[in-house]
Amino acid sequence: MLQVTAYIPCFNNAATVRRAVESVLAQTTAPSETLVIDDGSTDGSVAQLDGLPIRIVRHERNLGRGAARARAMAEARHPLVLCCDATNVLDLDFAANARGWFDDARVAAVFGVYRQSDPRTAAERWRGRHLFKMATPRSVRSDALLATGGAVLRRATVQVAGGFDVALRHSEDVDLGRRLLAGGHLVVSDPRIGFTSIATDTVCKVLERYWRWHAGVHEAVTWRGYRKTIIYSLKSMVADDLRAGDWSSAGISVVCPHYQFWKSRLRSRRRAD
C-alpha cells in the first residue's frame, strides 16, 4: 500500500491550525509523516502546534498558496500527498477512502467536498449555499477541476505535470488540475469523502474567498463578463437566498459580482502601472 505524506499549509491561522493538524493525525489510516508549511505567519500560528508529532517547514515571508503547496510537494517523502488546509478538519476516514482511488494508475488526484457546522451568521449561511454549494446534489467525477482544501495527490504525476506554480497566490490548484487533465490523467471529485470548514468568516472574508475561487489564474475581466455575473447573481444566487427566506444573504449575493469585477479590474490596473 502506498505511503502518505500529509501537509497543512498555514498563514496566520492560529485560531484553527491545531484542530486541522489533529484531524490529520487522527486519520484511521495515519500518514507516515505530517508537515506544516508555515508561509510567513505573524500571528503565532506555529506556537499552537507544540507537542504534536509533526515537522514544520517555515517561509521567512509570505510567498502565497502556490509556493506553499510546491514546497510541500518538494519536502514530501512518500508517493501520495494528503492536503488539509489550516481552516478545515478532515473526516476521520478521509485518507483511507481517498487512497483506494490510487489503485488506478491513471488517477493523479482525489478531492472531497466542503461541509460546515450549523451557520451562525448570514455570511456563513451564504458560504454554505454559494461557496460550498452544500445543497447541490453531487456525483463522482473523474474530470473535475482540482480543489485542494482536502485532497490526495500522486506526487510523481504532479511533478511530471510541472507541479504547483509558485507565482500563483490563488487558483494554483485549478491551474495544476488543468495540466493534469490535459496530460490524460484523472482528477476525481468524490462527494463521499469530505471535510468541515472551521473558519469564522465575515462578509468581507466570504466575498474575498469567492473572488479567489472564481477570479482565474489571469484575473481577466470584461464588461460583458461583468454583466453576465450580475445577471447570474440576481437570477440564481439571490433567487436561492430568497427561496430560503434569507434576505441578509441576498444582500451579499447582490454585492458579490461587483466585488469580483472591481477587485480584478483594480489589480489589473496596478499591474499595468
C-alpha atoms as a PDB file:
ATOM      1  CA  MET A   1       0.000   0.000   0.000  1.00  0.00           C
ATOM      2  CA  LEU A   2       1.354   3.422  -0.948  1.00  0.00           C
ATOM      3  CA  GLN A   3       2.588   5.538   1.951  1.00  0.00           C
ATOM      4  CA  VAL A   4       1.283   9.045   2.545  1.00  0.00           C
ATOM      5  CA  THR A   5       2.859  12.360   3.456  1.00  0.00           C
ATOM      6  CA  ALA A   6       0.340  14.851   4.849  1.00  0.00           C
ATOM      7  CA  TYR A   7       0.723  18.614   4.884  1.00  0.00           C
ATOM      8  CA  ILE A   8      -1.153  21.592   6.227  1.00  0.00           C
ATOM      9  CA  PRO A   9      -0.378  24.973   4.588  1.00  0.00           C
ATOM     10  CA  CYS A  10      -0.710  27.770   7.129  1.00  0.00           C
ATOM     11  CA  PHE A  11      -0.692  31.559   7.000  1.00  0.00           C
ATOM     12  CA  ASN A  12      -1.953  33.367  10.096  1.00  0.00           C
ATOM     13  CA  ASN A  13      -4.323  30.567  11.091  1.00  0.00           C
ATOM     14  CA  ALA A  14      -3.585  30.489  14.826  1.00  0.00           C
ATOM     15  CA  ALA A  15      -7.261  30.012  15.689  1.00  0.00           C
ATOM     16  CA  THR A  16      -7.732  26.825  13.643  1.00  0.00           C
ATOM     17  CA  VAL A  17      -4.415  25.239  12.640  1.00  0.00           C
ATOM     18  CA  ARG A  18      -4.083  22.901  15.637  1.00  0.00           C
ATOM     19  CA  ARG A  19      -7.517  21.375  15.040  1.00  0.00           C
ATOM     20  CA  ALA A  20      -6.660  20.918  11.364  1.00  0.00           C
ATOM     21  CA  VAL A  21      -3.399  19.144  12.196  1.00  0.00           C
ATOM     22  CA  GLU A  22      -5.081  16.969  14.827  1.00  0.00           C
ATOM     23  CA  SER A  23      -7.676  15.857  12.264  1.00  0.00           C
ATOM     24  CA  VAL A  24      -4.827  14.697  10.005  1.00  0.00           C
ATOM     25  CA  LEU A  25      -3.029  12.863  12.800  1.00  0.00           C
ATOM     26  CA  ALA A  26      -6.292  11.172  13.854  1.00  0.00           C
ATOM     27  CA  GLN A  27      -6.950   9.578  10.440  1.00  0.00           C
ATOM     28  CA  THR A  28      -7.939   5.925  10.559  1.00  0.00           C
ATOM     29  CA  THR A  29      -5.123   5.374   8.072  1.00  0.00           C
ATOM     30  CA  ALA A  30      -2.452   7.570   9.617  1.00  0.00           C
ATOM     31  CA  PRO A  31       0.056   9.411   7.375  1.00  0.00           C
ATOM     32  CA  SER A  32       3.668   8.300   7.550  1.00  0.00           C
ATOM     33  CA  GLU A  33       4.774  11.912   8.048  1.00  0.00           C
ATOM     34  CA  THR A  34       2.980  15.196   8.632  1.00  0.00           C
ATOM     35  CA  LEU A  35       4.287  18.611   7.604  1.00  0.00           C
ATOM     36  CA  VAL A  36       3.073  22.104   8.377  1.00  0.00           C
ATOM     37  CA  ILE A  37       4.150  24.644   5.768  1.00  0.00           C
ATOM     38  CA  ASP A  38       4.164  27.923   7.676  1.00  0.00           C
ATOM     39  CA  ASP A  39       4.013  30.543   4.946  1.00  0.00           C
ATOM     40  CA  GLY A  40       5.378  33.523   6.875  1.00  0.00           C
ATOM     41  CA  SER A  41       2.760  33.637   9.653  1.00  0.00           C
ATOM     42  CA  THR A  42       2.997  36.572  12.068  1.00  0.00           C
ATOM     43  CA  ASP A  43       0.204  35.604  14.491  1.00  0.00           C
ATOM     44  CA  GLY A  44       1.912  32.832  16.431  1.00  0.00           C
ATOM     45  CA  SER A  45       0.363  30.013  14.422  1.00  0.00           C
ATOM     46  CA  VAL A  46       3.353  27.720  14.917  1.00  0.00           C
ATOM     47  CA  ALA A  47       3.228  28.164  18.696  1.00  0.00           C
ATOM     48  CA  GLN A  48      -0.177  26.463  18.684  1.00  0.00           C
ATOM     49  CA  LEU A  49       1.423  23.225  17.479  1.00  0.00           C
ATOM     50  CA  ASP A  50       3.660  22.468  20.455  1.00  0.00           C
ATOM     51  CA  GLY A  51       3.807  18.784  21.327  1.00  0.00           C
ATOM     52  CA  LEU A  52       2.421  17.442  18.058  1.00  0.00           C
ATOM     53  CA  PRO A  53       4.442  14.840  16.085  1.00  0.00           C
ATOM     54  CA  ILE A  54       4.951  16.972  13.006  1.00  0.00           C
ATOM     55  CA  ARG A  55       7.716  18.658  11.014  1.00  0.00           C
ATOM     56  CA  ILE A  56       7.397  22.403  10.487  1.00  0.00           C
ATOM     57  CA  VAL A  57       8.773  23.984   7.321  1.00  0.00           C
ATOM     58  CA  ARG A  58       8.888  27.778   7.549  1.00  0.00           C
ATOM     59  CA  HIS A  59       8.987  30.527   4.957  1.00  0.00           C
ATOM     60  CA  GLU A  60      10.544  33.707   6.297  1.00  0.00           C
ATOM     61  CA  ARG A  61       7.924  35.766   4.474  1.00  0.00           C
ATOM     62  CA  ASN A  62       4.566  35.070   2.912  1.00  0.00           C
ATOM     63  CA  LEU A  63       5.060  33.616  -0.578  1.00  0.00           C
ATOM     64  CA  GLY A  64       1.489  32.598  -1.358  1.00  0.00           C
ATOM     65  CA  ARG A  65      -0.518  29.440  -1.884  1.00  0.00           C
ATOM     66  CA  GLY A  66       1.319  28.221  -4.955  1.00  0.00           C
ATOM     67  CA  ALA A  67       4.702  28.447  -3.241  1.00  0.00           C
ATOM     68  CA  ALA A  68       3.432  26.791  -0.044  1.00  0.00           C
ATOM     69  CA  ARG A  69       1.956  23.838  -1.929  1.00  0.00           C
ATOM     70  CA  ALA A  70       5.035  23.498  -4.148  1.00  0.00           C
ATOM     71  CA  ARG A  71       7.230  23.437  -1.027  1.00  0.00           C
ATOM     72  CA  ALA A  72       5.089  20.671   0.458  1.00  0.00           C
ATOM     73  CA  MET A  73       5.426  18.556  -2.679  1.00  0.00           C
ATOM     74  CA  ALA A  74       9.201  19.084  -2.665  1.00  0.00           C
ATOM     75  CA  GLU A  75       9.521  18.166   1.021  1.00  0.00           C
ATOM     76  CA  ALA A  76       7.223  15.111   0.845  1.00  0.00           C
ATOM     77  CA  ARG A  77       8.979  11.746   1.150  1.00  0.00           C
ATOM     78  CA  HIS A  78       6.164   9.445   0.052  1.00  0.00           C
ATOM     79  CA  PRO A  79       4.260   8.660  -3.173  1.00  0.00           C
ATOM     80  CA  LEU A  80       0.907  10.087  -2.050  1.00  0.00           C
ATOM     81  CA  VAL A  81       0.484  13.568  -0.576  1.00  0.00           C
ATOM     82  CA  LEU A  82      -2.525  14.468   1.553  1.00  0.00           C
ATOM     83  CA  CYS A  83      -3.504  18.111   1.956  1.00  0.00           C
ATOM     84  CA  CYS A  84      -5.744  19.627   4.607  1.00  0.00           C
ATOM     85  CA  ASP A  85      -5.990  23.405   4.665  1.00  0.00           C
ATOM     86  CA  ALA A  86      -5.469  25.039   8.052  1.00  0.00           C
ATOM     87  CA  THR A  87      -9.122  26.123   8.291  1.00  0.00           C
ATOM     88  CA  ASN A  88     -10.551  22.629   7.726  1.00  0.00           C
ATOM     89  CA  VAL A  89     -10.845  19.350   9.623  1.00  0.00           C
ATOM     90  CA  LEU A  90     -10.907  16.077   7.684  1.00  0.00           C
ATOM     91  CA  ASP A  91     -13.413  13.271   8.177  1.00  0.00           C
ATOM     92  CA  LEU A  92     -11.645  10.543  10.149  1.00  0.00           C
ATOM     93  CA  ASP A  93     -11.721   8.130   7.179  1.00  0.00           C
ATOM     94  CA  PHE A  94     -10.835  10.760   4.569  1.00  0.00           C
ATOM     95  CA  ALA A  95      -7.365   9.364   3.777  1.00  0.00           C
ATOM     96  CA  ALA A  96      -8.492   5.732   3.788  1.00  0.00           C
ATOM     97  CA  ASN A  97     -11.379   6.366   1.401  1.00  0.00           C
ATOM     98  CA  ALA A  98      -9.361   8.600  -0.914  1.00  0.00           C
ATOM     99  CA  ARG A  99      -6.412   6.227  -1.079  1.00  0.00           C
ATOM    100  CA  GLY A 100      -8.473   3.461  -2.664  1.00  0.00           C
ATOM    101  CA  TRP A 101      -8.738   5.505  -5.855  1.00  0.00           C
ATOM    102  CA  PHE A 102      -4.989   5.257  -6.426  1.00  0.00           C
ATOM    103  CA  ASP A 103      -5.189   1.558  -7.287  1.00  0.00           C
ATOM    104  CA  ASP A 104      -5.946   3.005 -10.741  1.00  0.00           C
ATOM    105  CA  ALA A 105      -2.628   4.278 -12.120  1.00  0.00           C
ATOM    106  CA  ARG A 106      -4.451   6.915 -14.176  1.00  0.00           C
ATOM    107  CA  VAL A 107      -5.642   8.765 -11.048  1.00  0.00           C
ATOM    108  CA  ALA A 108      -3.491  11.806 -10.282  1.00  0.00           C
ATOM    109  CA  ALA A 109      -5.628  13.415  -7.580  1.00  0.00           C
ATOM    110  CA  VAL A 110      -8.729  12.890  -5.463  1.00  0.00           C
ATOM    111  CA  PHE A 111     -10.538  15.562  -3.513  1.00  0.00           C
ATOM    112  CA  GLY A 112     -13.589  15.764  -1.296  1.00  0.00           C
ATOM    113  CA  VAL A 113     -16.381  18.216  -0.591  1.00  0.00           C
ATOM    114  CA  TYR A 114     -16.763  21.075   1.866  1.00  0.00           C
ATOM    115  CA  ARG A 115     -19.136  20.923   4.779  1.00  0.00           C
ATOM    116  CA  GLN A 116     -19.810  23.318   7.633  1.00  0.00           C
ATOM    117  CA  SER A 117     -21.450  23.150  11.023  1.00  0.00           C
ATOM    118  CA  ASP A 118     -24.726  24.962  11.634  1.00  0.00           C
ATOM    119  CA  PRO A 119     -24.129  28.504  10.319  1.00  0.00           C
ATOM    120  CA  ARG A 120     -24.329  31.292  12.896  1.00  0.00           C
ATOM    121  CA  THR A 121     -24.322  34.343  10.629  1.00  0.00           C
ATOM    122  CA  ALA A 122     -25.567  35.498   7.236  1.00  0.00           C
ATOM    123  CA  ALA A 123     -22.011  35.231   5.919  1.00  0.00           C
ATOM    124  CA  GLU A 124     -21.775  31.595   6.956  1.00  0.00           C
ATOM    125  CA  ARG A 125     -25.222  30.793   5.529  1.00  0.00           C
ATOM    126  CA  TRP A 126     -24.125  32.421   2.270  1.00  0.00           C
ATOM    127  CA  ARG A 127     -20.842  30.495   2.359  1.00  0.00           C
ATOM    128  CA  GLY A 128     -22.634  27.149   2.675  1.00  0.00           C
ATOM    129  CA  ARG A 129     -25.101  27.967  -0.086  1.00  0.00           C
ATOM    130  CA  HIS A 130     -22.911  29.665  -2.703  1.00  0.00           C
ATOM    131  CA  LEU A 131     -19.292  28.729  -1.961  1.00  0.00           C
ATOM    132  CA  PHE A 132     -19.591  25.205  -0.612  1.00  0.00           C
ATOM    133  CA  LYS A 133     -22.845  24.527  -2.529  1.00  0.00           C
ATOM    134  CA  MET A 134     -23.921  22.141   0.179  1.00  0.00           C
ATOM    135  CA  ALA A 135     -27.471  21.781  -1.174  1.00  0.00           C
ATOM    136  CA  THR A 136     -26.303  20.876  -4.686  1.00  0.00           C
ATOM    137  CA  PRO A 137     -26.566  17.141  -5.495  1.00  0.00           C
ATOM    138  CA  ARG A 138     -23.170  15.722  -6.491  1.00  0.00           C
ATOM    139  CA  SER A 139     -21.849  12.591  -8.075  1.00  0.00           C
ATOM    140  CA  VAL A 140     -18.374  11.171  -8.560  1.00  0.00           C
ATOM    141  CA  ARG A 141     -16.463  12.824 -11.405  1.00  0.00           C
ATOM    142  CA  SER A 142     -13.081  11.855 -12.835  1.00  0.00           C
ATOM    143  CA  ASP A 143     -12.578  15.007 -14.934  1.00  0.00           C
ATOM    144  CA  ALA A 144     -13.023  17.596 -12.178  1.00  0.00           C
ATOM    145  CA  LEU A 145     -11.061  20.806 -11.706  1.00  0.00           C
ATOM    146  CA  LEU A 146      -8.747  20.208  -8.767  1.00  0.00           C
ATOM    147  CA  ALA A 147      -9.506  21.711  -5.355  1.00  0.00           C
ATOM    148  CA  THR A 148      -7.020  21.233  -2.536  1.00  0.00           C
ATOM    149  CA  GLY A 149      -8.867  22.145   0.675  1.00  0.00           C
ATOM    150  CA  GLY A 150      -8.926  18.399   1.347  1.00  0.00           C
ATOM    151  CA  ALA A 151      -7.204  16.266  -1.281  1.00  0.00           C
ATOM    152  CA  VAL A 152      -4.729  13.492  -2.002  1.00  0.00           C
ATOM    153  CA  LEU A 153      -2.278  13.775  -4.921  1.00  0.00           C
ATOM    154  CA  ARG A 154       0.106  11.358  -6.596  1.00  0.00           C
ATOM    155  CA  ARG A 155       3.436  13.119  -6.138  1.00  0.00           C
ATOM    156  CA  ALA A 156       5.255  11.703  -9.173  1.00  0.00           C
ATOM    157  CA  THR A 157       2.430  12.599 -11.556  1.00  0.00           C
ATOM    158  CA  VAL A 158       2.223  16.135 -10.168  1.00  0.00           C
ATOM    159  CA  GLN A 159       5.959  16.545 -10.662  1.00  0.00           C
ATOM    160  CA  VAL A 160       5.774  15.379 -14.285  1.00  0.00           C
ATOM    161  CA  ALA A 161       2.952  17.863 -14.899  1.00  0.00           C
ATOM    162  CA  GLY A 162       5.153  20.716 -13.649  1.00  0.00           C
ATOM    163  CA  GLY A 163       3.857  20.971 -10.091  1.00  0.00           C
ATOM    164  CA  PHE A 164       2.192  23.931  -8.457  1.00  0.00           C
ATOM    165  CA  ASP A 165       3.055  27.326  -9.935  1.00  0.00           C
ATOM    166  CA  VAL A 166       4.976  29.136  -7.183  1.00  0.00           C
ATOM    167  CA  ALA A 167       3.955  32.535  -8.577  1.00  0.00           C
ATOM    168  CA  LEU A 168       0.241  31.974  -8.010  1.00  0.00           C
ATOM    169  CA  ARG A 169      -1.457  33.276  -4.874  1.00  0.00           C
ATOM    170  CA  HIS A 170      -4.797  31.775  -5.833  1.00  0.00           C
ATOM    171  CA  SER A 171      -6.089  29.342  -8.480  1.00  0.00           C
ATOM    172  CA  GLU A 172      -2.903  27.289  -8.081  1.00  0.00           C
ATOM    173  CA  ASP A 173      -4.961  24.112  -7.711  1.00  0.00           C
ATOM    174  CA  VAL A 174      -7.164  24.774 -10.761  1.00  0.00           C
ATOM    175  CA  ASP A 175      -4.053  25.590 -12.798  1.00  0.00           C
ATOM    176  CA  LEU A 176      -2.401  22.292 -11.847  1.00  0.00           C
ATOM    177  CA  GLY A 177      -5.643  20.373 -12.325  1.00  0.00           C
ATOM    178  CA  ARG A 178      -5.998  21.590 -15.902  1.00  0.00           C
ATOM    179  CA  ARG A 179      -2.461  20.431 -16.705  1.00  0.00           C
ATOM    180  CA  LEU A 180      -3.148  17.027 -15.154  1.00  0.00           C
ATOM    181  CA  LEU A 181      -6.318  16.589 -17.214  1.00  0.00           C
ATOM    182  CA  ALA A 182      -4.551  17.774 -20.372  1.00  0.00           C
ATOM    183  CA  GLY A 183      -1.932  15.092 -19.734  1.00  0.00           C
ATOM    184  CA  GLY A 184      -4.600  12.380 -19.812  1.00  0.00           C
ATOM    185  CA  HIS A 185      -4.755  11.829 -16.040  1.00  0.00           C
ATOM    186  CA  LEU A 186      -7.866  11.514 -13.901  1.00  0.00           C
ATOM    187  CA  VAL A 187      -8.756  14.131 -11.298  1.00  0.00           C
ATOM    188  CA  VAL A 188     -11.503  12.685  -9.123  1.00  0.00           C
ATOM    189  CA  SER A 189     -14.115  14.600  -7.146  1.00  0.00           C
ATOM    190  CA  ASP A 190     -15.710  12.205  -4.667  1.00  0.00           C
ATOM    191  CA  PRO A 191     -18.656  13.575  -2.633  1.00  0.00           C
ATOM    192  CA  ARG A 192     -18.496  10.540  -0.344  1.00  0.00           C
ATOM    193  CA  ILE A 193     -15.366  11.928   1.300  1.00  0.00           C
ATOM    194  CA  GLY A 194     -15.330  15.319   2.941  1.00  0.00           C
ATOM    195  CA  PHE A 195     -14.044  17.852   5.381  1.00  0.00           C
ATOM    196  CA  THR A 196     -15.555  20.587   7.510  1.00  0.00           C
ATOM    197  CA  SER A 197     -14.670  24.264   7.456  1.00  0.00           C
ATOM    198  CA  ILE A 198     -13.949  25.598  10.946  1.00  0.00           C
ATOM    199  CA  ALA A 199     -13.172  29.148   9.844  1.00  0.00           C
ATOM    200  CA  THR A 200     -15.199  32.026  11.242  1.00  0.00           C
ATOM    201  CA  ASP A 201     -15.958  34.068   8.126  1.00  0.00           C
ATOM    202  CA  THR A 202     -17.202  37.638   7.890  1.00  0.00           C
ATOM    203  CA  VAL A 203     -18.950  39.132   4.867  1.00  0.00           C
ATOM    204  CA  CYS A 204     -15.631  40.546   3.648  1.00  0.00           C
ATOM    205  CA  LYS A 205     -13.931  37.187   4.043  1.00  0.00           C
ATOM    206  CA  VAL A 206     -16.552  35.220   2.102  1.00  0.00           C
ATOM    207  CA  LEU A 207     -16.522  37.790  -0.708  1.00  0.00           C
ATOM    208  CA  GLU A 208     -12.731  37.584  -0.821  1.00  0.00           C
ATOM    209  CA  ARG A 209     -12.849  33.782  -0.893  1.00  0.00           C
ATOM    210  CA  TYR A 210     -15.477  33.798  -3.639  1.00  0.00           C
ATOM    211  CA  TRP A 211     -13.239  36.104  -5.665  1.00  0.00           C
ATOM    212  CA  ARG A 212     -10.214  33.818  -5.188  1.00  0.00           C
ATOM    213  CA  TRP A 213     -12.194  30.773  -6.254  1.00  0.00           C
ATOM    214  CA  HIS A 214     -13.570  32.442  -9.388  1.00  0.00           C
ATOM    215  CA  ALA A 215     -11.001  35.042 -10.488  1.00  0.00           C
ATOM    216  CA  GLY A 216      -8.976  32.579 -12.553  1.00  0.00           C
ATOM    217  CA  VAL A 217      -5.221  32.460 -12.998  1.00  0.00           C
ATOM    218  CA  HIS A 218      -5.103  35.631 -15.086  1.00  0.00           C
ATOM    219  CA  GLU A 219      -7.919  37.510 -13.302  1.00  0.00           C
ATOM    220  CA  ALA A 220      -9.300  38.505 -16.709  1.00  0.00           C
ATOM    221  CA  VAL A 221     -12.416  40.693 -16.627  1.00  0.00           C
ATOM    222  CA  THR A 222     -14.572  42.235 -19.337  1.00  0.00           C
ATOM    223  CA  TRP A 223     -17.639  44.446 -19.245  1.00  0.00           C
ATOM    224  CA  ARG A 224     -19.591  41.668 -20.944  1.00  0.00           C
ATOM    225  CA  GLY A 225     -18.467  39.217 -18.274  1.00  0.00           C
ATOM    226  CA  TYR A 226     -19.420  41.731 -15.585  1.00  0.00           C
ATOM    227  CA  ARG A 227     -22.928  41.931 -16.994  1.00  0.00           C
ATOM    228  CA  LYS A 228     -23.214  38.128 -17.074  1.00  0.00           C
ATOM    229  CA  THR A 229     -22.137  37.770 -13.438  1.00  0.00           C
ATOM    230  CA  ILE A 230     -24.668  40.400 -12.360  1.00  0.00           C
ATOM    231  CA  ILE A 231     -27.445  38.546 -14.175  1.00  0.00           C
ATOM    232  CA  TYR A 232     -26.311  35.230 -12.654  1.00  0.00           C
ATOM    233  CA  SER A 233     -26.228  36.677  -9.152  1.00  0.00           C
ATOM    234  CA  LEU A 234     -29.766  38.023  -9.467  1.00  0.00           C
ATOM    235  CA  LYS A 235     -31.370  35.076 -11.256  1.00  0.00           C
ATOM    236  CA  SER A 236     -29.619  32.290  -9.374  1.00  0.00           C
ATOM    237  CA  MET A 237     -27.876  33.390  -6.187  1.00  0.00           C
ATOM    238  CA  VAL A 238     -30.354  35.999  -4.947  1.00  0.00           C
ATOM    239  CA  ALA A 239     -33.246  33.772  -6.011  1.00  0.00           C
ATOM    240  CA  ASP A 240     -31.860  30.885  -3.925  1.00  0.00           C
ATOM    241  CA  ASP A 241     -31.410  33.181  -0.925  1.00  0.00           C
ATOM    242  CA  LEU A 242     -34.970  34.494  -1.163  1.00  0.00           C
ATOM    243  CA  ARG A 243     -36.417  30.997  -1.541  1.00  0.00           C
ATOM    244  CA  ALA A 244     -34.682  30.233   1.751  1.00  0.00           C
ATOM    245  CA  GLY A 245     -36.140  33.395   3.274  1.00  0.00           C
ATOM    246  CA  ASP A 246     -32.627  34.695   3.810  1.00  0.00           C
ATOM    247  CA  TRP A 247     -32.731  38.409   3.000  1.00  0.00           C
ATOM    248  CA  SER A 248     -29.379  39.126   4.642  1.00  0.00           C
ATOM    249  CA  SER A 249     -27.601  36.591   2.433  1.00  0.00           C
ATOM    250  CA  ALA A 250     -29.403  38.015  -0.592  1.00  0.00           C
ATOM    251  CA  GLY A 251     -27.682  41.320   0.109  1.00  0.00           C
ATOM    252  CA  ILE A 252     -24.291  39.586  -0.042  1.00  0.00           C
ATOM    253  CA  SER A 253     -25.270  37.997  -3.355  1.00  0.00           C
ATOM    254  CA  VAL A 254     -26.159  41.395  -4.795  1.00  0.00           C
ATOM    255  CA  VAL A 255     -22.733  42.772  -3.852  1.00  0.00           C
ATOM    256  CA  CYS A 256     -20.777  39.701  -4.987  1.00  0.00           C
ATOM    257  CA  PRO A 257     -20.424  40.354  -8.769  1.00  0.00           C
ATOM    258  CA  HIS A 258     -19.395  43.962  -8.154  1.00  0.00           C
ATOM    259  CA  TYR A 259     -16.742  42.894  -5.669  1.00  0.00           C
ATOM    260  CA  GLN A 260     -15.416  40.309  -8.137  1.00  0.00           C
ATOM    261  CA  PHE A 261     -15.232  42.679 -11.084  1.00  0.00           C
ATOM    262  CA  TRP A 262     -13.799  45.751  -9.400  1.00  0.00           C
ATOM    263  CA  LYS A 263     -11.210  43.859  -7.375  1.00  0.00           C
ATOM    264  CA  SER A 264      -9.859  42.180 -10.505  1.00  0.00           C
ATOM    265  CA  ARG A 265     -10.021  45.392 -12.511  1.00  0.00           C
ATOM    266  CA  LEU A 266      -8.152  47.419  -9.887  1.00  0.00           C
ATOM    267  CA  ARG A 267      -5.497  44.724  -9.560  1.00  0.00           C
ATOM    268  CA  SER A 268      -5.088  44.710 -13.327  1.00  0.00           C
ATOM    269  CA  ARG A 269      -4.573  48.486 -13.363  1.00  0.00           C
ATOM    270  CA  ARG A 270      -1.949  48.277 -10.603  1.00  0.00           C
ATOM    271  CA  ARG A 271      -0.043  45.618 -12.547  1.00  0.00           C
ATOM    272  CA  ALA A 272      -0.118  47.818 -15.652  1.00  0.00           C
ATOM    273  CA  ASP A 273       1.235  50.897 -13.841  1.00  0.00           C
END
